Amino acid sequence: MRIFLTGATGFIGSALVPELIGAGHHVIGMTRSDAGAEALRAAGAEVHRGTLEDLDSLRAGAARADGVIHTAFDHDFTDASVFVANCEKDRRVITTLGAALAGTDRLLLITSGTGLGSGGPDGKASEDRYDEHHPNPRKASEEAGHAVAATGVKVAVVRLPQVHDTVKQGLVTPLIQIIRAKGFAAYVGEGRNRWPAAHVSDVVRLYRLAFERQAAAVYHAVAEEGISALEIATVLGRGLNVPVRSIAAANATSEFGWLGNFLGMDLTASSALTRERLGWHPTGPGLIADLEAMDYAAAS
């Protein structure tokens, strides 16, 4: 199939391109730069020049494809207001892509976070739950997906945990930079809260399987349901050669800025339904293994 892929040169997108091509699909990858275009051609993808701000370029890309995988997101986390603005930008992008697919049976596969499935009695986020009152502004993506689906467009969602390899690890990556500046690694309280995670190789395989299934569904790209904040902080402290300490929840944002809002959250998530629906079985390294293997000097 011909797949229009946003974020084709990003962390997940650049790994997804060879995954899709290797399975026999034709990838139309969106990029804004000459360097991105060169990388896409080298990977065997067709180049589509465009940006998230250029809605016409998004419409044109979607019009050329049998379906869309939307992985692009502006990861500027300078402060909370910037994050909110980027989430609203994603709402506009999804609305635009959905309108371009209206009246067809082509799939729009969008991206969200596992936290949007929280609120269940077992404490774990799951694919069959949607917390419309969740405080995370990223819910704008799923709100847009629901609105698009209401017009008859086939929409699927991949919810992401902390996606990692030995170079990037979701929210842990900006956390490393803050720890370096602060001079210590921290966890809230006893550090028992947990974050889910998955290796990028497993995540891109899930995107491919979800697209090939061609069904309106929600999937969780979760290999590890929850790694404790204490365990994450300990390995980061060792890698950065800084002390590790507990901080009070009330001090999390003053010490760690916008990321302090997430530092003490318990975000465990299940992928049981995803594994059942797609036959997806993660095989990549765990988050702690990648954090232990990363080059902290290069991460500076």
Protein backbone atom coordinates (compact mmCIF):
# COMPACT_ATOMS: atom_id res chain seq x y z
CA MET A 1 0.00 0.00 0.00
CA ARG A 2 0.99 3.62 -0.50
CA ILE A 3 1.37 5.15 2.99
CA PHE A 4 1.70 8.86 3.72
CA LEU A 5 3.92 9.09 6.79
CA THR A 6 4.27 12.28 8.81
CA GLY A 7 7.29 12.52 11.10
CA ALA A 8 9.15 10.30 8.64
CA THR A 9 12.57 11.56 9.71
CA GLY A 10 11.85 11.64 13.45
CA PHE A 11 12.83 9.14 16.13
CA ILE A 12 9.96 6.74 15.47
CA GLY A 13 9.33 7.66 11.84
CA SER A 14 12.90 7.03 10.72
CA ALA A 15 12.68 3.51 12.15
CA LEU A 16 9.19 2.98 10.75
CA VAL A 17 10.21 3.76 7.16
CA PRO A 18 12.38 0.61 6.72
CA GLU A 19 9.83 -1.44 8.67
CA LEU A 20 7.09 -0.51 6.20
CA ILE A 21 9.25 -0.79 3.08
CA GLY A 22 10.55 -4.16 4.24
CA ALA A 23 6.96 -5.38 4.39
CA GLY A 24 6.34 -4.33 0.80
CA HIS A 25 4.68 -0.93 1.33
CA HIS A 26 5.46 2.27 -0.56
CA VAL A 27 6.24 5.11 1.85
CA ILE A 28 5.60 8.77 1.04
CA GLY A 29 7.58 10.45 3.80
CA MET A 30 7.02 14.07 4.77
CA THR A 31 10.02 16.24 5.54
CA ARG A 32 10.76 19.95 5.72
CA SER A 33 14.51 19.82 5.01
CA ASP A 34 16.98 18.88 2.31
CA ALA A 35 18.79 16.61 4.76
CA GLY A 36 15.53 14.85 5.57
CA ALA A 37 14.76 14.40 1.88
CA GLU A 38 18.18 12.88 1.30
CA ALA A 39 17.72 10.47 4.22
CA LEU A 40 14.31 9.38 2.96
CA ARG A 41 15.57 8.74 -0.57
CA ALA A 42 18.48 6.73 0.83
CA ALA A 43 15.99 4.62 2.79
CA GLY A 44 13.92 3.96 -0.34
CA ALA A 45 11.00 6.26 0.44
CA GLU A 46 9.31 8.83 -1.78
CA VAL A 47 9.81 12.40 -0.55
CA HIS A 48 6.94 14.76 0.18
CA ARG A 49 7.99 18.28 1.21
CA GLY A 50 5.80 19.82 3.88
CA THR A 51 5.37 20.88 7.49
CA LEU A 52 2.79 20.52 10.23
CA GLU A 53 2.00 24.21 9.85
CA ASP A 54 1.36 23.91 6.10
CA LEU A 55 -2.07 22.30 6.04
CA ASP A 56 -2.15 22.26 2.24
CA SER A 57 0.96 20.06 2.22
CA LEU A 58 -0.79 17.64 4.57
CA ARG A 59 -3.87 17.48 2.35
CA ALA A 60 -1.73 16.88 -0.71
CA GLY A 61 0.22 14.08 0.96
CA ALA A 62 -2.91 12.31 2.16
CA ALA A 63 -4.50 12.59 -1.28
CA ARG A 64 -1.63 10.62 -2.82
CA ALA A 65 -1.85 7.66 -0.46
CA ASP A 66 -3.94 4.62 0.41
CA GLY A 67 -3.77 5.64 4.06
CA VAL A 68 -1.95 7.84 6.57
CA ILE A 69 0.26 7.14 9.57
CA HIS A 70 0.70 10.28 11.65
CA THR A 71 3.73 10.10 13.96
CA ALA A 72 4.86 13.73 13.77
CA PHE A 73 4.64 15.88 16.88
CA ASP A 74 6.43 19.08 17.87
CA HIS A 75 8.47 17.99 20.90
CA ASP A 76 9.36 21.47 22.11
CA PHE A 77 8.75 21.17 25.85
CA THR A 78 10.17 24.58 26.80
CA ASP A 79 7.28 25.15 29.19
CA ALA A 80 3.68 24.11 29.77
CA SER A 81 2.20 26.75 27.46
CA VAL A 82 4.37 25.62 24.55
CA PHE A 83 3.32 22.01 25.13
CA VAL A 84 -0.35 23.01 25.12
CA ALA A 85 0.15 24.94 21.87
CA ASN A 86 1.84 21.93 20.27
CA CYS A 87 -1.06 19.69 21.32
CA GLU A 88 -3.50 22.10 19.70
CA LYS A 89 -1.35 22.07 16.58
CA ASP A 90 -1.70 18.29 16.53
CA ARG A 91 -5.47 18.69 16.78
CA ARG A 92 -5.41 20.85 13.63
CA VAL A 93 -3.19 18.37 11.80
CA ILE A 94 -5.43 15.40 12.60
CA THR A 95 -8.54 17.37 11.65
CA THR A 96 -6.93 18.29 8.33
CA LEU A 97 -5.79 14.74 7.55
CA GLY A 98 -9.21 13.40 8.47
CA ALA A 99 -10.96 15.85 6.16
CA ALA A 100 -8.63 14.77 3.33
CA LEU A 101 -9.72 11.14 3.82
CA ALA A 102 -13.44 11.88 4.15
CA GLY A 103 -15.69 9.79 1.93
CA THR A 104 -13.11 7.03 1.54
CA ASP A 105 -12.27 3.79 3.36
CA ARG A 106 -8.64 4.84 3.86
CA LEU A 107 -7.22 4.47 7.39
CA LEU A 108 -5.92 7.38 9.46
CA LEU A 109 -3.56 6.02 12.13
CA ILE A 110 -2.77 8.68 14.74
CA THR A 111 -0.59 8.83 17.85
CA SER A 112 -1.40 9.52 21.48
CA GLY A 113 -0.17 8.56 24.96
CA THR A 114 -1.05 5.60 27.16
CA GLY A 115 -2.16 7.92 29.95
CA LEU A 116 -5.34 8.67 28.02
CA GLY A 117 -6.50 5.12 28.78
CA SER A 118 -6.21 5.49 32.56
CA GLY A 119 -8.97 5.34 35.12
CA GLY A 120 -9.60 1.61 35.37
CA PRO A 121 -10.12 -0.30 38.65
CA ASP A 122 -6.78 -2.12 38.30
CA GLY A 123 -4.87 1.15 38.02
CA LYS A 124 -3.49 0.32 34.58
CA ALA A 125 -4.34 2.25 31.45
CA SER A 126 -5.94 0.00 28.84
CA GLU A 127 -6.96 0.19 25.21
CA ASP A 128 -10.70 0.00 25.91
CA ARG A 129 -10.70 3.05 28.19
CA TYR A 130 -10.59 6.75 27.40
CA ASP A 131 -10.27 9.32 30.17
CA GLU A 132 -11.93 12.40 28.72
CA HIS A 133 -11.11 14.33 31.90
CA HIS A 134 -7.40 13.52 31.85
CA PRO A 135 -5.36 16.69 32.55
CA ASN A 136 -2.73 15.91 29.88
CA PRO A 137 -3.20 18.41 26.99
CA ARG A 138 -2.21 15.60 24.61
CA LYS A 139 -5.83 14.44 24.83
CA ALA A 140 -6.39 16.98 22.02
CA SER A 141 -5.06 14.32 19.63
CA GLU A 142 -7.68 11.76 20.61
CA GLU A 143 -10.41 14.38 20.76
CA ALA A 144 -9.58 15.24 17.16
CA GLY A 145 -9.54 11.55 16.26
CA HIS A 146 -12.99 11.06 17.75
CA ALA A 147 -14.33 14.08 15.86
CA VAL A 148 -12.87 12.79 12.59
CA ALA A 149 -14.25 9.30 13.19
CA ALA A 150 -17.70 10.81 13.75
CA THR A 151 -17.62 11.99 10.12
CA GLY A 152 -17.18 8.41 8.92
CA VAL A 153 -13.39 8.29 8.57
CA LYS A 154 -11.70 5.10 9.77
CA VAL A 155 -9.40 6.14 12.62
CA ALA A 156 -6.99 4.02 14.66
CA VAL A 157 -4.81 5.16 17.56
CA VAL A 158 -1.40 4.00 18.77
CA ARG A 159 -0.83 5.14 22.34
CA LEU A 160 2.83 5.44 23.27
CA PRO A 161 4.67 4.90 26.57
CA GLN A 162 8.34 5.90 27.00
CA VAL A 163 9.76 4.79 23.64
CA HIS A 164 13.46 4.07 23.90
CA ASP A 165 16.76 2.87 22.53
CA THR A 166 20.25 3.77 23.76
CA VAL A 167 19.97 7.32 22.37
CA LYS A 168 16.43 8.48 23.22
CA GLN A 169 13.97 7.42 25.90
CA GLY A 170 10.78 9.48 25.74
CA LEU A 171 10.43 11.87 28.69
CA VAL A 172 13.60 10.40 30.20
CA THR A 173 15.67 12.22 27.56
CA PRO A 174 14.71 15.77 28.65
CA LEU A 175 14.87 14.55 32.26
CA ILE A 176 18.54 13.68 31.71
CA GLN A 177 19.25 17.26 30.61
CA ILE A 178 17.50 18.67 33.69
CA ILE A 179 19.37 16.29 36.00
CA ARG A 180 22.65 17.35 34.43
CA ALA A 181 21.81 21.01 35.07
CA LYS A 182 20.51 20.41 38.62
CA GLY A 183 23.36 18.15 39.66
CA PHE A 184 21.17 15.41 41.12
CA ALA A 185 18.61 12.79 40.05
CA ALA A 186 15.32 12.67 41.90
CA TYR A 187 12.18 10.67 42.49
CA VAL A 188 9.03 11.73 44.31
CA GLY A 189 8.39 10.28 47.76
CA GLU A 190 9.43 6.65 47.84
CA GLY A 191 9.68 6.45 44.04
CA ARG A 192 7.12 3.68 43.77
CA ASN A 193 5.23 5.28 40.87
CA ARG A 194 5.91 3.64 37.52
CA TRP A 195 6.20 4.52 33.84
CA PRO A 196 5.47 2.07 30.98
CA ALA A 197 7.98 1.63 28.16
CA ALA A 198 8.77 -0.10 24.87
CA HIS A 199 11.79 -0.37 22.59
CA VAL A 200 11.48 1.58 19.34
CA SER A 201 11.90 -1.58 17.24
CA ASP A 202 8.82 -3.10 18.87
CA VAL A 203 6.88 0.16 18.53
CA VAL A 204 7.41 0.47 14.78
CA ARG A 205 6.41 -3.15 14.26
CA LEU A 206 3.18 -2.37 16.10
CA TYR A 207 2.48 0.63 13.85
CA ARG A 208 2.93 -1.61 10.79
CA LEU A 209 0.69 -4.35 12.14
CA ALA A 210 -1.97 -1.82 13.14
CA PHE A 211 -1.97 -0.25 9.69
CA GLU A 212 -2.12 -3.63 7.95
CA ARG A 213 -5.08 -4.68 10.08
CA GLN A 214 -7.03 -1.72 8.63
CA ALA A 215 -9.38 -1.51 11.59
CA ALA A 216 -10.64 1.36 13.73
CA ALA A 217 -9.10 0.46 17.09
CA VAL A 218 -6.87 1.67 19.91
CA TYR A 219 -3.50 0.01 20.54
CA HIS A 220 -0.99 0.28 23.36
CA ALA A 221 2.68 0.03 22.41
CA VAL A 222 3.59 -1.26 25.87
CA ALA A 223 6.29 -3.85 26.40
CA GLU A 224 6.91 -3.12 30.10
CA GLU A 225 3.82 -2.15 32.07
CA GLY A 226 5.71 -0.06 34.59
CA ILE A 227 9.29 0.68 35.68
CA SER A 228 9.57 2.42 39.04
CA ALA A 229 10.71 6.03 39.29
CA LEU A 230 13.24 4.95 41.89
CA GLU A 231 14.81 2.44 39.49
CA ILE A 232 14.93 5.02 36.68
CA ALA A 233 16.44 7.71 38.92
CA THR A 234 19.02 5.27 40.29
CA VAL A 235 20.34 4.25 36.89
CA LEU A 236 20.37 7.87 35.71
CA GLY A 237 22.28 8.97 38.80
CA ARG A 238 24.84 6.25 38.23
CA GLY A 239 25.19 7.06 34.54
CA LEU A 240 25.53 10.81 35.13
CA ASN A 241 27.62 10.35 38.28
CA VAL A 242 25.32 12.50 40.41
CA PRO A 243 23.56 11.81 43.72
CA VAL A 244 20.02 10.43 43.82
CA ARG A 245 17.50 11.84 46.28
CA SER A 246 13.83 11.86 47.13
CA ILE A 247 11.85 15.08 46.80
CA ALA A 248 8.38 16.02 47.98
CA ALA A 249 5.58 16.09 45.41
CA ALA A 250 4.98 19.76 46.26
CA ASN A 251 8.54 20.59 45.17
CA ALA A 252 8.59 18.59 41.93
CA THR A 253 7.76 21.47 39.56
CA SER A 254 10.00 23.98 41.33
CA GLU A 255 12.92 21.55 41.07
CA PHE A 256 12.23 20.02 37.64
CA GLY A 257 10.02 22.56 35.86
CA TRP A 258 7.29 21.29 33.53
CA LEU A 259 8.61 17.73 33.83
CA GLY A 260 7.90 17.82 37.54
CA ASN A 261 4.21 17.43 36.66
CA PHE A 262 4.98 13.92 35.39
CA LEU A 263 7.72 12.94 37.83
CA GLY A 264 5.43 11.52 40.49
CA MET A 265 2.66 10.15 38.28
CA ASP A 266 1.90 6.44 38.32
CA LEU A 267 1.28 5.68 34.64
CA THR A 268 1.19 1.90 34.39
CA ALA A 269 -0.42 0.58 31.22
CA SER A 270 -1.46 -2.76 29.77
CA SER A 271 -1.13 -3.96 26.18
CA ALA A 272 -3.12 -7.18 26.61
CA LEU A 273 -5.77 -6.27 24.03
CA THR A 274 -3.12 -5.07 21.57
CA ARG A 275 -1.24 -8.34 21.78
CA GLU A 276 -4.47 -10.26 21.28
CA ARG A 277 -5.62 -8.17 18.31
CA LEU A 278 -2.30 -7.99 16.47
CA GLY A 279 -0.29 -10.97 17.66
CA TRP A 280 2.30 -8.42 18.77
CA HIS A 281 4.99 -9.75 21.08
CA PRO A 282 7.76 -7.29 22.08
CA THR A 283 11.30 -8.65 21.94
CA GLY A 284 13.49 -5.55 22.30
CA PRO A 285 15.64 -4.55 25.29
CA GLY A 286 13.98 -3.05 28.36
CA LEU A 287 14.21 0.61 29.36
CA ILE A 288 16.68 0.04 32.18
CA ALA A 289 18.94 -2.04 29.91
CA ASP A 290 19.03 0.78 27.35
CA LEU A 291 19.70 3.39 30.04
CA GLU A 292 22.55 1.29 31.35
CA ALA A 293 24.00 0.88 27.86
CA MET A 294 23.73 4.50 26.70
CA ASP A 295 26.71 6.81 26.31
CA TYR A 296 26.03 9.59 28.82
CA ALA A 297 28.95 11.64 27.56
CA ALA A 298 27.41 11.71 24.08
CA ALA A 299 24.02 12.60 25.60
CA SER A 300 25.51 15.89 26.81
